[in-house]
């Protein structure tokens, strides 16, 4: 799995997941249960993960809907 997007905005993450679903790209929101530890203050960003094969298509789909500022670049660290 590769990280394609990172944010602590639950609405943005939900939107990104729906964009990917519309393109037939499966995804996983990692770290979504950390709010139990952090007290639901939203301090820790969640990571949107896709398969390595889907990463280029996922990145392109998310760029096309204006989510480029939250995307993880090709040279960034991947989880």
Protein backbone atom coordinates (compact mmCIF):
# COMPACT_ATOMS: atom_id res chain seq x y z
CA UNK A 1 0.00 0.00 0.00
CA UNK A 2 1.11 3.56 -0.71
CA UNK A 3 -0.01 6.77 0.88
CA UNK A 4 -1.66 9.07 -1.63
CA UNK A 5 -3.16 11.75 0.63
CA UNK A 6 -2.77 12.99 4.20
CA UNK A 7 -5.20 15.16 6.17
CA UNK A 8 -6.91 15.52 9.52
CA UNK A 9 -10.11 16.78 7.82
CA UNK A 10 -12.66 13.94 7.96
CA UNK A 11 -14.86 15.56 5.30
CA UNK A 12 -11.95 15.91 2.87
CA UNK A 13 -10.97 12.29 3.44
CA UNK A 14 -14.53 11.12 2.88
CA UNK A 15 -14.67 13.12 -0.36
CA UNK A 16 -11.35 11.67 -1.53
CA UNK A 17 -12.54 8.13 -0.81
CA UNK A 18 -15.74 8.75 -2.80
CA UNK A 19 -13.73 10.15 -5.74
CA UNK A 20 -11.58 7.04 -5.76
CA UNK A 21 -14.60 4.74 -5.45
CA UNK A 22 -16.19 6.44 -8.46
CA UNK A 23 -13.02 5.58 -10.42
CA UNK A 24 -13.09 1.97 -9.22
CA UNK A 25 -10.04 2.45 -7.00
CA UNK A 26 -10.09 0.81 -3.59
CA UNK A 27 -8.61 2.68 -0.63
CA UNK A 28 -8.02 2.46 3.10
CA UNK A 29 -8.00 5.31 5.63
CA UNK A 30 -5.15 4.55 8.02
CA UNK A 31 -4.86 6.02 11.51
CA UNK A 32 -8.57 6.84 11.71
CA UNK A 33 -8.89 5.29 15.16
CA UNK A 34 -6.09 7.34 16.68
CA UNK A 35 -8.76 9.79 17.87
CA UNK A 36 -9.32 7.46 20.83
CA UNK A 37 -5.77 8.19 21.94
CA UNK A 38 -5.69 11.88 21.03
CA UNK A 39 -9.06 12.72 22.59
CA UNK A 40 -10.77 13.56 19.25
CA UNK A 41 -8.93 16.86 18.81
CA UNK A 42 -7.88 16.10 15.24
CA UNK A 43 -4.18 16.70 15.85
CA UNK A 44 -2.94 13.66 13.96
CA UNK A 45 -3.50 13.44 10.21
CA UNK A 46 -5.09 10.36 8.67
CA UNK A 47 -3.48 8.68 5.67
CA UNK A 48 -5.38 7.59 2.58
CA UNK A 49 -3.76 4.44 1.23
CA UNK A 50 -4.10 2.72 -2.15
CA UNK A 51 -2.27 -0.17 -3.77
CA UNK A 52 1.02 0.61 -5.48
CA UNK A 53 -0.56 -0.28 -8.83
CA UNK A 54 -3.47 2.16 -8.28
CA UNK A 55 -1.30 4.98 -6.92
CA UNK A 56 -0.74 6.85 -10.23
CA UNK A 57 -4.43 6.69 -11.20
CA UNK A 58 -5.52 7.64 -7.68
CA UNK A 59 -3.18 10.61 -7.61
CA UNK A 60 -4.41 11.80 -11.01
CA UNK A 61 -8.08 11.44 -10.03
CA UNK A 62 -7.53 13.40 -6.81
CA UNK A 63 -5.53 16.11 -8.58
CA UNK A 64 -8.36 16.55 -11.09
CA UNK A 65 -10.84 17.36 -8.31
CA UNK A 66 -8.53 19.92 -6.67
CA UNK A 67 -6.95 17.91 -3.87
CA UNK A 68 -3.34 18.40 -4.98
CA UNK A 69 -2.30 20.34 -1.82
CA UNK A 70 -3.00 17.24 0.31
CA UNK A 71 -1.38 14.68 -1.99
CA UNK A 72 1.82 12.87 -1.17
CA UNK A 73 4.39 13.31 -3.94
CA UNK A 74 6.36 10.55 -5.60
CA UNK A 75 9.51 11.51 -3.71
CA UNK A 76 7.80 11.71 -0.31
CA UNK A 77 8.05 9.03 2.35
CA UNK A 78 5.50 6.25 1.87
CA UNK A 79 4.00 4.17 4.62
